[in-house]
Protein backbone atom coordinates (compact mmCIF):
# COMPACT_ATOMS: atom_id res chain seq x y z
CA UNK A 1 0.00 0.00 0.00
CA UNK A 2 1.41 3.36 -1.00
CA UNK A 3 0.98 6.52 1.00
CA UNK A 4 -1.63 9.01 -0.16
CA UNK A 5 1.19 11.54 -0.15
CA UNK A 6 3.00 9.93 -3.07
CA UNK A 7 1.89 12.34 -5.77
CA UNK A 8 2.81 10.39 -8.86
CA UNK A 9 0.49 7.43 -8.14
CA UNK A 10 -3.28 7.05 -7.90
CA UNK A 11 -5.38 4.35 -6.27
CA UNK A 12 -7.17 1.92 -8.60
CA UNK A 13 -9.84 1.22 -5.99
CA UNK A 14 -8.98 -2.50 -5.74
CA UNK A 15 -6.09 -1.81 -3.37
CA UNK A 16 -3.58 -1.43 -6.20
CA UNK A 17 -1.83 1.65 -7.46
CA UNK A 18 -1.01 2.98 -10.93
CA UNK A 19 1.21 5.76 -12.17
CA UNK A 20 -0.89 8.92 -12.34
CA UNK A 21 -1.79 9.57 -15.99
CA UNK A 22 -1.64 13.33 -15.34
CA UNK A 23 1.61 14.21 -17.10
CA UNK A 24 1.52 17.63 -15.45
CA UNK A 25 2.08 15.99 -12.05
CA UNK A 26 4.82 13.70 -13.35
CA UNK A 27 6.53 16.62 -15.08
CA UNK A 28 6.29 18.82 -11.99
CA UNK A 29 7.95 16.24 -9.75
CA UNK A 30 10.63 15.43 -12.32
CA UNK A 31 11.34 19.17 -12.70
CA UNK A 32 12.01 19.48 -8.95
CA UNK A 33 14.61 16.70 -9.13
CA UNK A 34 16.15 18.00 -12.37
CA UNK A 35 16.68 21.46 -10.93
CA UNK A 36 17.94 20.04 -7.63
CA UNK A 37 20.66 18.15 -9.49
CA UNK A 38 21.71 21.42 -11.17
CA UNK A 39 21.43 23.70 -8.13
CA UNK A 40 22.61 21.23 -5.42
CA UNK A 41 20.55 23.06 -2.79
CA UNK A 42 16.90 22.85 -1.75
CA UNK A 43 16.62 26.61 -1.21
CA UNK A 44 18.21 27.37 -4.60
CA UNK A 45 15.91 24.78 -6.19
CA UNK A 46 12.84 26.55 -4.80
CA UNK A 47 14.18 29.95 -5.96
CA UNK A 48 14.93 28.65 -9.46
CA UNK A 49 11.49 27.05 -9.76
CA UNK A 50 9.91 30.38 -8.75
CA UNK A 51 12.12 32.26 -11.23
CA UNK A 52 10.97 29.93 -14.00
CA UNK A 53 7.35 30.56 -13.02
CA UNK A 54 6.72 26.92 -12.25
CA UNK A 55 4.22 25.56 -9.78
CA UNK A 56 4.73 22.23 -8.06
CA UNK A 57 2.14 19.61 -7.11
CA UNK A 58 1.07 19.19 -3.47
CA UNK A 59 -1.53 16.92 -1.91
CA UNK A 60 -2.94 16.97 1.58
CA UNK A 61 -4.38 13.74 3.01
CA UNK A 62 -7.75 12.96 1.46
CA UNK A 63 -7.62 15.91 -0.92
CA UNK A 64 -6.99 16.41 -4.61
CA UNK A 65 -3.60 17.44 -5.96
CA UNK A 66 -3.14 21.19 -6.27
CA UNK A 67 -0.36 23.30 -7.72
CA UNK A 68 1.46 25.69 -5.40
CA UNK A 69 4.15 28.31 -5.77
CA UNK A 70 7.52 26.67 -5.10
CA UNK A 71 8.84 27.23 -1.59
CA UNK A 72 11.36 25.43 0.57
CA UNK A 73 8.74 23.46 2.49
CA UNK A 74 7.04 22.18 -0.69
CA UNK A 75 10.37 21.20 -2.26
CA UNK A 76 11.49 19.41 0.91
CA UNK A 77 8.19 17.51 1.13
CA UNK A 78 8.90 15.98 -2.27
CA UNK A 79 12.60 15.38 -1.66
CA UNK A 80 12.13 13.79 1.76
CA UNK A 81 9.55 11.29 0.57
CA UNK A 82 11.45 7.99 0.81
CA UNK A 83 9.44 6.46 -2.02
CA UNK A 84 11.18 8.72 -4.55
CA UNK A 85 14.57 7.34 -3.51
CA UNK A 86 13.50 3.75 -4.07
CA UNK A 87 12.48 2.96 -0.50
CA UNK A 88 9.00 2.51 0.85
CA UNK A 89 8.59 2.22 4.61
CA UNK A 90 5.77 0.13 6.06
CA UNK A 91 4.64 0.64 9.66
CA UNK A 92 5.72 4.23 10.10
CA UNK A 93 3.26 4.41 12.99
CA UNK A 94 2.15 1.65 15.36
CA UNK A 95 -0.64 1.28 17.90
CA UNK A 96 0.57 2.12 21.40
CA UNK A 97 -1.59 0.05 23.76
CA UNK A 98 0.02 1.67 26.81
CA UNK A 99 -1.59 5.00 25.88
CA UNK A 100 -5.13 3.62 25.84
CA UNK A 101 -7.79 5.22 23.68
CA UNK A 102 -8.71 8.84 23.11
CA UNK A 103 -12.09 10.30 24.12
CA UNK A 104 -13.61 9.25 20.79
CA UNK A 105 -12.52 5.65 21.37
CA UNK A 106 -9.73 5.65 18.79
CA UNK A 107 -6.51 3.81 19.56
CA UNK A 108 -3.47 5.99 20.07
CA UNK A 109 -0.45 5.58 17.83
CA UNK A 110 3.21 6.49 18.02
CA UNK A 111 6.07 6.70 15.55
CA UNK A 112 7.51 3.23 14.99
CA UNK A 113 11.04 2.48 16.16
CA UNK A 114 13.56 1.43 13.51
CA UNK A 115 13.28 -2.26 14.41
CA UNK A 116 9.47 -2.11 14.00
CA UNK A 117 9.61 -0.75 10.45
CA UNK A 118 9.87 -2.68 7.22
CA UNK A 119 11.74 -0.94 4.40
CA UNK A 120 11.20 -2.11 0.84
CA UNK A 121 13.91 -1.06 -1.60
CA UNK A 122 13.24 -1.01 -5.33
CA UNK A 123 13.58 1.04 -8.46
CA UNK A 124 12.37 4.61 -8.31
CA UNK A 125 12.90 8.03 -9.78
CA UNK A 126 16.16 8.77 -7.97
CA UNK A 127 17.54 5.44 -6.89
CA UNK A 128 21.31 5.62 -7.16
CA UNK A 129 21.30 9.38 -7.72
CA UNK A 130 20.26 10.79 -4.35
CA UNK A 131 19.94 9.34 -0.91
CA UNK A 132 18.09 10.68 2.06
CA UNK A 133 19.98 12.95 4.41
CA UNK A 134 19.84 10.37 7.18
CA UNK A 135 21.58 7.61 5.20
CA UNK A 136 23.90 9.55 2.90
C-alpha atoms as a PDB file:
ATOM      1  CA  UNK A   1       0.000   0.000   0.000  1.00  0.00           C
ATOM      2  CA  UNK A   2       1.415   3.362  -0.997  1.00  0.00           C
ATOM      3  CA  UNK A   3       0.978   6.515   0.996  1.00  0.00           C
ATOM      4  CA  UNK A   4      -1.629   9.010  -0.162  1.00  0.00           C
ATOM      5  CA  UNK A   5       1.193  11.544  -0.148  1.00  0.00           C
ATOM      6  CA  UNK A   6       2.999   9.927  -3.074  1.00  0.00           C
ATOM      7  CA  UNK A   7       1.894  12.342  -5.769  1.00  0.00           C
ATOM      8  CA  UNK A   8       2.812  10.388  -8.857  1.00  0.00           C
ATOM      9  CA  UNK A   9       0.494   7.432  -8.136  1.00  0.00           C
ATOM     10  CA  UNK A  10      -3.280   7.045  -7.901  1.00  0.00           C
ATOM     11  CA  UNK A  11      -5.378   4.354  -6.274  1.00  0.00           C
ATOM     12  CA  UNK A  12      -7.174   1.921  -8.598  1.00  0.00           C
ATOM     13  CA  UNK A  13      -9.840   1.216  -5.988  1.00  0.00           C
ATOM     14  CA  UNK A  14      -8.979  -2.505  -5.745  1.00  0.00           C
ATOM     15  CA  UNK A  15      -6.094  -1.809  -3.370  1.00  0.00           C
ATOM     16  CA  UNK A  16      -3.577  -1.433  -6.197  1.00  0.00           C
ATOM     17  CA  UNK A  17      -1.833   1.653  -7.460  1.00  0.00           C
ATOM     18  CA  UNK A  18      -1.010   2.983 -10.931  1.00  0.00           C
ATOM     19  CA  UNK A  19       1.214   5.760 -12.171  1.00  0.00           C
ATOM     20  CA  UNK A  20      -0.889   8.918 -12.337  1.00  0.00           C
ATOM     21  CA  UNK A  21      -1.785   9.570 -15.994  1.00  0.00           C
ATOM     22  CA  UNK A  22      -1.641  13.328 -15.341  1.00  0.00           C
ATOM     23  CA  UNK A  23       1.611  14.210 -17.104  1.00  0.00           C
ATOM     24  CA  UNK A  24       1.519  17.631 -15.446  1.00  0.00           C
ATOM     25  CA  UNK A  25       2.077  15.989 -12.048  1.00  0.00           C
ATOM     26  CA  UNK A  26       4.818  13.701 -13.352  1.00  0.00           C
ATOM     27  CA  UNK A  27       6.528  16.621 -15.079  1.00  0.00           C
ATOM     28  CA  UNK A  28       6.289  18.820 -11.988  1.00  0.00           C
ATOM     29  CA  UNK A  29       7.948  16.239  -9.755  1.00  0.00           C
ATOM     30  CA  UNK A  30      10.627  15.433 -12.321  1.00  0.00           C
ATOM     31  CA  UNK A  31      11.344  19.167 -12.697  1.00  0.00           C
ATOM     32  CA  UNK A  32      12.009  19.483  -8.950  1.00  0.00           C
ATOM     33  CA  UNK A  33      14.609  16.705  -9.125  1.00  0.00           C
ATOM     34  CA  UNK A  34      16.146  17.995 -12.371  1.00  0.00           C
ATOM     35  CA  UNK A  35      16.684  21.463 -10.926  1.00  0.00           C
ATOM     36  CA  UNK A  36      17.935  20.040  -7.627  1.00  0.00           C
ATOM     37  CA  UNK A  37      20.663  18.149  -9.493  1.00  0.00           C
ATOM     38  CA  UNK A  38      21.708  21.421 -11.171  1.00  0.00           C
ATOM     39  CA  UNK A  39      21.433  23.704  -8.130  1.00  0.00           C
ATOM     40  CA  UNK A  40      22.609  21.235  -5.424  1.00  0.00           C
ATOM     41  CA  UNK A  41      20.551  23.062  -2.787  1.00  0.00           C
ATOM     42  CA  UNK A  42      16.898  22.850  -1.752  1.00  0.00           C
ATOM     43  CA  UNK A  43      16.622  26.609  -1.206  1.00  0.00           C
ATOM     44  CA  UNK A  44      18.209  27.367  -4.598  1.00  0.00           C
ATOM     45  CA  UNK A  45      15.910  24.775  -6.191  1.00  0.00           C
ATOM     46  CA  UNK A  46      12.843  26.551  -4.796  1.00  0.00           C
ATOM     47  CA  UNK A  47      14.184  29.946  -5.959  1.00  0.00           C
ATOM     48  CA  UNK A  48      14.929  28.647  -9.457  1.00  0.00           C
ATOM     49  CA  UNK A  49      11.487  27.053  -9.759  1.00  0.00           C
ATOM     50  CA  UNK A  50       9.912  30.385  -8.752  1.00  0.00           C
ATOM     51  CA  UNK A  51      12.117  32.264 -11.227  1.00  0.00           C
ATOM     52  CA  UNK A  52      10.970  29.928 -13.996  1.00  0.00           C
ATOM     53  CA  UNK A  53       7.352  30.557 -13.018  1.00  0.00           C
ATOM     54  CA  UNK A  54       6.719  26.916 -12.250  1.00  0.00           C
ATOM     55  CA  UNK A  55       4.219  25.558  -9.778  1.00  0.00           C
ATOM     56  CA  UNK A  56       4.726  22.230  -8.062  1.00  0.00           C
ATOM     57  CA  UNK A  57       2.141  19.610  -7.106  1.00  0.00           C
ATOM     58  CA  UNK A  58       1.069  19.190  -3.469  1.00  0.00           C
ATOM     59  CA  UNK A  59      -1.528  16.924  -1.908  1.00  0.00           C
ATOM     60  CA  UNK A  60      -2.941  16.969   1.585  1.00  0.00           C
ATOM     61  CA  UNK A  61      -4.378  13.737   3.006  1.00  0.00           C
ATOM     62  CA  UNK A  62      -7.748  12.960   1.458  1.00  0.00           C
ATOM     63  CA  UNK A  63      -7.617  15.913  -0.919  1.00  0.00           C
ATOM     64  CA  UNK A  64      -6.987  16.411  -4.613  1.00  0.00           C
ATOM     65  CA  UNK A  65      -3.598  17.435  -5.961  1.00  0.00           C
ATOM     66  CA  UNK A  66      -3.144  21.186  -6.270  1.00  0.00           C
ATOM     67  CA  UNK A  67      -0.355  23.299  -7.716  1.00  0.00           C
ATOM     68  CA  UNK A  68       1.463  25.694  -5.395  1.00  0.00           C
ATOM     69  CA  UNK A  69       4.154  28.309  -5.765  1.00  0.00           C
ATOM     70  CA  UNK A  70       7.516  26.672  -5.095  1.00  0.00           C
ATOM     71  CA  UNK A  71       8.841  27.233  -1.589  1.00  0.00           C
ATOM     72  CA  UNK A  72      11.365  25.434   0.567  1.00  0.00           C
ATOM     73  CA  UNK A  73       8.743  23.455   2.487  1.00  0.00           C
ATOM     74  CA  UNK A  74       7.043  22.182  -0.690  1.00  0.00           C
ATOM     75  CA  UNK A  75      10.374  21.200  -2.263  1.00  0.00           C
ATOM     76  CA  UNK A  76      11.488  19.410   0.914  1.00  0.00           C
ATOM     77  CA  UNK A  77       8.191  17.515   1.133  1.00  0.00           C
ATOM     78  CA  UNK A  78       8.901  15.976  -2.267  1.00  0.00           C
ATOM     79  CA  UNK A  79      12.597  15.382  -1.660  1.00  0.00           C
ATOM     80  CA  UNK A  80      12.131  13.790   1.763  1.00  0.00           C
ATOM     81  CA  UNK A  81       9.553  11.295   0.567  1.00  0.00           C
ATOM     82  CA  UNK A  82      11.452   7.991   0.815  1.00  0.00           C
ATOM     83  CA  UNK A  83       9.435   6.459  -2.025  1.00  0.00           C
ATOM     84  CA  UNK A  84      11.179   8.723  -4.548  1.00  0.00           C
ATOM     85  CA  UNK A  85      14.575   7.337  -3.512  1.00  0.00           C
ATOM     86  CA  UNK A  86      13.499   3.746  -4.074  1.00  0.00           C
ATOM     87  CA  UNK A  87      12.485   2.961  -0.497  1.00  0.00           C
ATOM     88  CA  UNK A  88       8.998   2.506   0.851  1.00  0.00           C
ATOM     89  CA  UNK A  89       8.592   2.217   4.606  1.00  0.00           C
ATOM     90  CA  UNK A  90       5.769   0.132   6.060  1.00  0.00           C
ATOM     91  CA  UNK A  91       4.644   0.635   9.655  1.00  0.00           C
ATOM     92  CA  UNK A  92       5.722   4.227  10.100  1.00  0.00           C
ATOM     93  CA  UNK A  93       3.259   4.414  12.991  1.00  0.00           C
ATOM     94  CA  UNK A  94       2.150   1.654  15.357  1.00  0.00           C
ATOM     95  CA  UNK A  95      -0.645   1.280  17.904  1.00  0.00           C
ATOM     96  CA  UNK A  96       0.573   2.123  21.403  1.00  0.00           C
ATOM     97  CA  UNK A  97      -1.592   0.054  23.761  1.00  0.00           C
ATOM     98  CA  UNK A  98       0.022   1.668  26.810  1.00  0.00           C
ATOM     99  CA  UNK A  99      -1.589   4.997  25.878  1.00  0.00           C
ATOM    100  CA  UNK A 100      -5.133   3.621  25.838  1.00  0.00           C
ATOM    101  CA  UNK A 101      -7.793   5.220  23.682  1.00  0.00           C
ATOM    102  CA  UNK A 102      -8.705   8.841  23.112  1.00  0.00           C
ATOM    103  CA  UNK A 103     -12.086  10.298  24.118  1.00  0.00           C
ATOM    104  CA  UNK A 104     -13.605   9.246  20.788  1.00  0.00           C
ATOM    105  CA  UNK A 105     -12.523   5.651  21.366  1.00  0.00           C
ATOM    106  CA  UNK A 106      -9.727   5.650  18.789  1.00  0.00           C
ATOM    107  CA  UNK A 107      -6.508   3.806  19.557  1.00  0.00           C
ATOM    108  CA  UNK A 108      -3.467   5.994  20.069  1.00  0.00           C
ATOM    109  CA  UNK A 109      -0.454   5.577  17.833  1.00  0.00           C
ATOM    110  CA  UNK A 110       3.205   6.490  18.021  1.00  0.00           C
ATOM    111  CA  UNK A 111       6.067   6.698  15.553  1.00  0.00           C
ATOM    112  CA  UNK A 112       7.507   3.235  14.989  1.00  0.00           C
ATOM    113  CA  UNK A 113      11.039   2.485  16.163  1.00  0.00           C
ATOM    114  CA  UNK A 114      13.556   1.426  13.513  1.00  0.00           C
ATOM    115  CA  UNK A 115      13.277  -2.261  14.413  1.00  0.00           C
ATOM    116  CA  UNK A 116       9.473  -2.115  14.001  1.00  0.00           C
ATOM    117  CA  UNK A 117       9.612  -0.747  10.449  1.00  0.00           C
ATOM    118  CA  UNK A 118       9.868  -2.676   7.217  1.00  0.00           C
ATOM    119  CA  UNK A 119      11.743  -0.940   4.403  1.00  0.00           C
ATOM    120  CA  UNK A 120      11.205  -2.111   0.844  1.00  0.00           C
ATOM    121  CA  UNK A 121      13.906  -1.057  -1.601  1.00  0.00           C
ATOM    122  CA  UNK A 122      13.238  -1.014  -5.330  1.00  0.00           C
ATOM    123  CA  UNK A 123      13.578   1.042  -8.457  1.00  0.00           C
ATOM    124  CA  UNK A 124      12.366   4.612  -8.313  1.00  0.00           C
ATOM    125  CA  UNK A 125      12.901   8.032  -9.776  1.00  0.00           C
ATOM    126  CA  UNK A 126      16.159   8.769  -7.970  1.00  0.00           C
ATOM    127  CA  UNK A 127      17.536   5.442  -6.894  1.00  0.00           C
ATOM    128  CA  UNK A 128      21.305   5.619  -7.158  1.00  0.00           C
ATOM    129  CA  UNK A 129      21.298   9.379  -7.716  1.00  0.00           C
ATOM    130  CA  UNK A 130      20.258  10.789  -4.352  1.00  0.00           C
ATOM    131  CA  UNK A 131      19.937   9.336  -0.908  1.00  0.00           C
ATOM    132  CA  UNK A 132      18.090  10.682   2.058  1.00  0.00           C
ATOM    133  CA  UNK A 133      19.982  12.954   4.413  1.00  0.00           C
ATOM    134  CA  UNK A 134      19.839  10.371   7.176  1.00  0.00           C
ATOM    135  CA  UNK A 135      21.580   7.611   5.204  1.00  0.00           C
ATOM    136  CA  UNK A 136      23.901   9.552   2.896  1.00  0.00           C
END
